[in-house]
Amino acid sequence: MTASHPHDFTRPGTMALAQHLPAHDAEALTRGGNQALIVLGEQVYQLRITRAGKLILTK
């Protein structure tokens, strides 16, 4: 499903879910670039925005 804002979700029940989850702008996370590191515990993940505008999260 592609949505640019939480209110763009159209599947039943997703709007209620989106209202309770924190939302983060991927471009803000990457500070206008195309990559960011995300740390979870002791693990480091790489978030990448592709040229096609998709997100890839790798360990």
PDB file of N, CA and C in Angstrom:
ATOM      1  N   MET A   1       0.856  -1.165   0.000  1.00  0.00           N
ATOM      2  CA  MET A   1       0.000   0.000   0.000  1.00  0.00           C
ATOM      3  C   MET A   1       0.904   1.231   0.000  1.00  0.00           C
ATOM      4  N   THR A   2       0.612   2.187  -0.833  1.00  0.00           N
ATOM      5  CA  THR A   2       1.380   3.423  -0.894  1.00  0.00           C
ATOM      6  C   THR A   2       0.535   4.560  -0.363  1.00  0.00           C
ATOM      7  N   ALA A   3       1.084   5.314   0.548  1.00  0.00           N
ATOM      8  CA  ALA A   3       0.393   6.472   1.108  1.00  0.00           C
ATOM      9  C   ALA A   3       1.436   7.500   1.487  1.00  0.00           C
ATOM     10  N   SER A   4       1.160   8.750   1.215  1.00  0.00           N
ATOM     11  CA  SER A   4       2.112   9.792   1.562  1.00  0.00           C
ATOM     12  C   SER A   4       1.824  10.401   2.929  1.00  0.00           C
ATOM     13  N   HIS A   5       0.641  10.198   3.444  1.00  0.00           N
ATOM     14  CA  HIS A   5       0.252  10.703   4.755  1.00  0.00           C
ATOM     15  C   HIS A   5      -0.613   9.654   5.433  1.00  0.00           C
ATOM     16  N   PRO A   6      -0.609   9.608   6.768  1.00  0.00           N
ATOM     17  CA  PRO A   6      -1.449   8.608   7.442  1.00  0.00           C
ATOM     18  C   PRO A   6      -2.910   8.660   7.029  1.00  0.00           C
ATOM     19  N   HIS A   7      -3.447   9.850   6.716  1.00  0.00           N
ATOM     20  CA  HIS A   7      -4.858   9.933   6.342  1.00  0.00           C
ATOM     21  C   HIS A   7      -5.119   9.400   4.934  1.00  0.00           C
ATOM     22  N   ASP A   8      -4.064   9.017   4.188  1.00  0.00           N
ATOM     23  CA  ASP A   8      -4.242   8.467   2.843  1.00  0.00           C
ATOM     24  C   ASP A   8      -4.579   6.979   2.859  1.00  0.00           C
ATOM     25  N   PHE A   9      -4.445   6.309   4.013  1.00  0.00           N
ATOM     26  CA  PHE A   9      -4.748   4.888   4.079  1.00  0.00           C
ATOM     27  C   PHE A   9      -6.236   4.668   3.869  1.00  0.00           C
ATOM     28  N   THR A  10      -6.570   3.667   3.070  1.00  0.00           N
ATOM     29  CA  THR A  10      -7.977   3.452   2.747  1.00  0.00           C
ATOM     30  C   THR A  10      -8.484   2.080   3.168  1.00  0.00           C
ATOM     31  N   ARG A  11      -7.626   1.167   3.588  1.00  0.00           N
ATOM     32  CA  ARG A  11      -8.095  -0.147   4.017  1.00  0.00           C
ATOM     33  C   ARG A  11      -8.882  -0.007   5.307  1.00  0.00           C
ATOM     34  N   PRO A  12      -9.950  -0.777   5.467  1.00  0.00           N
ATOM     35  CA  PRO A  12     -10.752  -0.692   6.690  1.00  0.00           C
ATOM     36  C   PRO A  12      -9.892  -0.920   7.930  1.00  0.00           C
ATOM     37  N   GLY A  13     -10.039  -0.049   8.914  1.00  0.00           N
ATOM     38  CA  GLY A  13      -9.332  -0.187  10.170  1.00  0.00           C
ATOM     39  C   GLY A  13      -7.963   0.463  10.215  1.00  0.00           C
ATOM     40  N   THR A  14      -7.383   0.813   9.063  1.00  0.00           N
ATOM     41  CA  THR A  14      -6.038   1.382   9.084  1.00  0.00           C
ATOM     42  C   THR A  14      -6.032   2.818   9.569  1.00  0.00           C
ATOM     43  N   MET A  15      -7.104   3.545   9.376  1.00  0.00           N
ATOM     44  CA  MET A  15      -7.138   4.935   9.853  1.00  0.00           C
ATOM     45  C   MET A  15      -7.096   4.972  11.370  1.00  0.00           C
ATOM     46  N   ALA A  16      -7.848   4.101  12.028  1.00  0.00           N
ATOM     47  CA  ALA A  16      -7.837   4.055  13.487  1.00  0.00           C
ATOM     48  C   ALA A  16      -6.452   3.661  13.981  1.00  0.00           C
ATOM     49  N   LEU A  17      -5.812   2.739  13.318  1.00  0.00           N
ATOM     50  CA  LEU A  17      -4.472   2.318  13.692  1.00  0.00           C
ATOM     51  C   LEU A  17      -3.486   3.469  13.510  1.00  0.00           C
ATOM     52  N   ALA A  18      -3.559   4.180  12.406  1.00  0.00           N
ATOM     53  CA  ALA A  18      -2.636   5.275  12.114  1.00  0.00           C
ATOM     54  C   ALA A  18      -2.752   6.393  13.138  1.00  0.00           C
ATOM     55  N   GLN A  19      -3.917   6.587  13.716  1.00  0.00           N
ATOM     56  CA  GLN A  19      -4.102   7.646  14.706  1.00  0.00           C
ATOM     57  C   GLN A  19      -3.377   7.337  16.011  1.00  0.00           C
ATOM     58  N   HIS A  20      -3.043   6.069  16.261  1.00  0.00           N
ATOM     59  CA  HIS A  20      -2.419   5.679  17.520  1.00  0.00           C
ATOM     60  C   HIS A  20      -0.926   5.385  17.389  1.00  0.00           C
ATOM     61  N   LEU A  21      -0.395   5.450  16.182  1.00  0.00           N
ATOM     62  CA  LEU A  21       1.020   5.163  15.977  1.00  0.00           C
ATOM     63  C   LEU A  21       1.805   6.444  15.736  1.00  0.00           C
ATOM     64  N   PRO A  22       3.045   6.506  16.225  1.00  0.00           N
ATOM     65  CA  PRO A  22       3.863   7.672  15.907  1.00  0.00           C
ATOM     66  C   PRO A  22       4.194   7.671  14.415  1.00  0.00           C
ATOM     67  N   ALA A  23       4.208   8.839  13.819  1.00  0.00           N
ATOM     68  CA  ALA A  23       4.537   8.962  12.393  1.00  0.00           C
ATOM     69  C   ALA A  23       5.832   9.752  12.261  1.00  0.00           C
ATOM     70  N   HIS A  24       6.712   9.282  11.399  1.00  0.00           N
ATOM     71  CA  HIS A  24       8.002   9.926  11.181  1.00  0.00           C
ATOM     72  C   HIS A  24       8.213  10.117   9.686  1.00  0.00           C
ATOM     73  N   ASP A  25       8.616  11.284   9.292  1.00  0.00           N
ATOM     74  CA  ASP A  25       8.889  11.586   7.891  1.00  0.00           C
ATOM     75  C   ASP A  25      10.252  11.002   7.529  1.00  0.00           C
ATOM     76  N   ALA A  26      10.297  10.099   6.562  1.00  0.00           N
ATOM     77  CA  ALA A  26      11.545   9.441   6.183  1.00  0.00           C
ATOM     78  C   ALA A  26      12.581  10.449   5.695  1.00  0.00           C
ATOM     79  N   GLU A  27      12.157  11.488   5.000  1.00  0.00           N
ATOM     80  CA  GLU A  27      13.110  12.494   4.524  1.00  0.00           C
ATOM     81  C   GLU A  27      13.682  13.299   5.688  1.00  0.00           C
ATOM     82  N   ALA A  28      12.905  13.477   6.744  1.00  0.00           N
ATOM     83  CA  ALA A  28      13.427  14.150   7.935  1.00  0.00           C
ATOM     84  C   ALA A  28      14.427  13.245   8.651  1.00  0.00           C
ATOM     85  N   LEU A  29      14.128  11.939   8.699  1.00  0.00           N
ATOM     86  CA  LEU A  29      15.059  11.000   9.327  1.00  0.00           C
ATOM     87  C   LEU A  29      16.397  10.974   8.598  1.00  0.00           C
ATOM     88  N   THR A  30      16.366  11.137   7.283  1.00  0.00           N
ATOM     89  CA  THR A  30      17.602  11.112   6.491  1.00  0.00           C
ATOM     90  C   THR A  30      18.184  12.507   6.300  1.00  0.00           C
ATOM     91  N   ARG A  31      17.552  13.512   6.925  1.00  0.00           N
ATOM     92  CA  ARG A  31      17.988  14.913   6.819  1.00  0.00           C
ATOM     93  C   ARG A  31      18.147  15.348   5.369  1.00  0.00           C
ATOM     94  N   GLY A  32      17.180  14.963   4.547  1.00  0.00           N
ATOM     95  CA  GLY A  32      17.173  15.360   3.141  1.00  0.00           C
ATOM     96  C   GLY A  32      18.015  14.478   2.248  1.00  0.00           C
ATOM     97  N   GLY A  33      18.725  13.535   2.821  1.00  0.00           N
ATOM     98  CA  GLY A  33      19.533  12.604   2.029  1.00  0.00           C
ATOM     99  C   GLY A  33      18.718  11.377   1.690  1.00  0.00           C
ATOM    100  N   ASN A  34      19.417  10.248   1.522  1.00  0.00           N
ATOM    101  CA  ASN A  34      18.674   9.032   1.205  1.00  0.00           C
ATOM    102  C   ASN A  34      19.001   7.870   2.149  1.00  0.00           C
ATOM    103  N   GLN A  35      19.780   8.144   3.219  1.00  0.00           N
ATOM    104  CA  GLN A  35      20.118   7.080   4.148  1.00  0.00           C
ATOM    105  C   GLN A  35      20.118   7.588   5.588  1.00  0.00           C
ATOM    106  N   ALA A  36      19.775   6.681   6.504  1.00  0.00           N
ATOM    107  CA  ALA A  36      19.842   6.978   7.938  1.00  0.00           C
ATOM    108  C   ALA A  36      20.132   5.678   8.664  1.00  0.00           C
ATOM    109  N   LEU A  37      20.705   5.790   9.835  1.00  0.00           N
ATOM    110  CA  LEU A  37      20.921   4.632  10.686  1.00  0.00           C
ATOM    111  C   LEU A  37      19.868   4.640  11.777  1.00  0.00           C
ATOM    112  N   ILE A  38      19.346   3.457  12.065  1.00  0.00           N
ATOM    113  CA  ILE A  38      18.350   3.296  13.120  1.00  0.00           C
ATOM    114  C   ILE A  38      18.900   2.266  14.087  1.00  0.00           C
ATOM    115  N   VAL A  39      18.921   2.618  15.368  1.00  0.00           N
ATOM    116  CA  VAL A  39      19.474   1.740  16.393  1.00  0.00           C
ATOM    117  C   VAL A  39      18.325   1.160  17.208  1.00  0.00           C
ATOM    118  N   LEU A  40      18.353  -0.147  17.373  1.00  0.00           N
ATOM    119  CA  LEU A  40      17.377  -0.854  18.207  1.00  0.00           C
ATOM    120  C   LEU A  40      18.163  -1.767  19.132  1.00  0.00           C
ATOM    121  N   GLY A  41      18.231  -1.399  20.399  1.00  0.00           N
ATOM    122  CA  GLY A  41      19.069  -2.154  21.334  1.00  0.00           C
ATOM    123  C   GLY A  41      20.519  -2.023  20.911  1.00  0.00           C
ATOM    124  N   GLU A  42      21.149  -3.148  20.667  1.00  0.00           N
ATOM    125  CA  GLU A  42      22.541  -3.139  20.214  1.00  0.00           C
ATOM    126  C   GLU A  42      22.662  -3.326  18.708  1.00  0.00           C
ATOM    127  N   GLN A  43      21.540  -3.429  18.019  1.00  0.00           N
ATOM    128  CA  GLN A  43      21.542  -3.636  16.567  1.00  0.00           C
ATOM    129  C   GLN A  43      21.443  -2.302  15.839  1.00  0.00           C
ATOM    130  N   VAL A  44      22.160  -2.186  14.726  1.00  0.00           N
ATOM    131  CA  VAL A  44      22.116  -0.987  13.893  1.00  0.00           C
ATOM    132  C   VAL A  44      21.548  -1.382  12.537  1.00  0.00           C
ATOM    133  N   TYR A  45      20.537  -0.652  12.101  1.00  0.00           N
ATOM    134  CA  TYR A  45      19.890  -0.904  10.817  1.00  0.00           C
ATOM    135  C   TYR A  45      20.103   0.299   9.913  1.00  0.00           C
ATOM    136  N   GLN A  46      20.109   0.060   8.613  1.00  0.00           N
ATOM    137  CA  GLN A  46      20.242   1.142   7.641  1.00  0.00           C
ATOM    138  C   GLN A  46      18.907   1.323   6.927  1.00  0.00           C
ATOM    139  N   LEU A  47      18.398   2.536   6.977  1.00  0.00           N
ATOM    140  CA  LEU A  47      17.190   2.900   6.247  1.00  0.00           C
ATOM    141  C   LEU A  47      17.630   3.625   4.986  1.00  0.00           C
ATOM    142  N   ARG A  48      17.124   3.184   3.850  1.00  0.00           N
ATOM    143  CA  ARG A  48      17.497   3.814   2.584  1.00  0.00           C
ATOM    144  C   ARG A  48      16.250   4.139   1.782  1.00  0.00           C
ATOM    145  N   ILE A  49      16.233   5.325   1.193  1.00  0.00           N
ATOM    146  CA  ILE A  49      15.167   5.725   0.279  1.00  0.00           C
ATOM    147  C   ILE A  49      15.703   5.508  -1.128  1.00  0.00           C
ATOM    148  N   THR A  50      15.011   4.690  -1.912  1.00  0.00           N
ATOM    149  CA  THR A  50      15.463   4.400  -3.275  1.00  0.00           C
ATOM    150  C   THR A  50      15.091   5.538  -4.218  1.00  0.00           C
ATOM    151  N   ARG A  51      15.642   5.497  -5.412  1.00  0.00           N
ATOM    152  CA  ARG A  51      15.291   6.509  -6.430  1.00  0.00           C
ATOM    153  C   ARG A  51      13.817   6.448  -6.789  1.00  0.00           C
ATOM    154  N   ALA A  52      13.218   5.272  -6.615  1.00  0.00           N
ATOM    155  CA  ALA A  52      11.795   5.103  -6.913  1.00  0.00           C
ATOM    156  C   ALA A  52      10.905   5.545  -5.752  1.00  0.00           C
ATOM    157  N   GLY A  53      11.534   6.021  -4.649  1.00  0.00           N
ATOM    158  CA  GLY A  53      10.754   6.501  -3.512  1.00  0.00           C
ATOM    159  C   GLY A  53      10.300   5.397  -2.565  1.00  0.00           C
ATOM    160  N   LYS A  54      10.911   4.241  -2.642  1.00  0.00           N
ATOM    161  CA  LYS A  54      10.585   3.134  -1.739  1.00  0.00           C
ATOM    162  C   LYS A  54      11.563   3.144  -0.575  1.00  0.00           C
ATOM    163  N   LEU A  55      11.157   2.516   0.534  1.00  0.00           N
ATOM    164  CA  LEU A  55      12.023   2.400   1.696  1.00  0.00           C
ATOM    165  C   LEU A  55      12.579   0.996   1.801  1.00  0.00           C
ATOM    166  N   ILE A  56      13.868   0.905   2.138  1.00  0.00           N
ATOM    167  CA  ILE A  56      14.514  -0.381   2.380  1.00  0.00           C
ATOM    168  C   ILE A  56      15.178  -0.297   3.741  1.00  0.00           C
ATOM    169  N   LEU A  57      14.902  -1.263   4.611  1.00  0.00           N
ATOM    170  CA  LEU A  57      15.520  -1.326   5.925  1.00  0.00           C
ATOM    171  C   LEU A  57      16.344  -2.601   5.974  1.00  0.00           C
ATOM    172  N   THR A  58      17.663  -2.449   6.185  1.00  0.00           N
ATOM    173  CA  THR A  58      18.552  -3.617   6.228  1.00  0.00           C
ATOM    174  C   THR A  58      19.358  -3.599   7.508  1.00  0.00           C
ATOM    175  N   LYS A  59      19.794  -4.779   7.901  1.00  0.00           N
ATOM    176  CA  LYS A  59      20.596  -4.942   9.098  1.00  0.00           C
ATOM    177  C   LYS A  59      22.055  -4.736   8.760  1.00  0.00           C
TER     178      LYS A  59
END
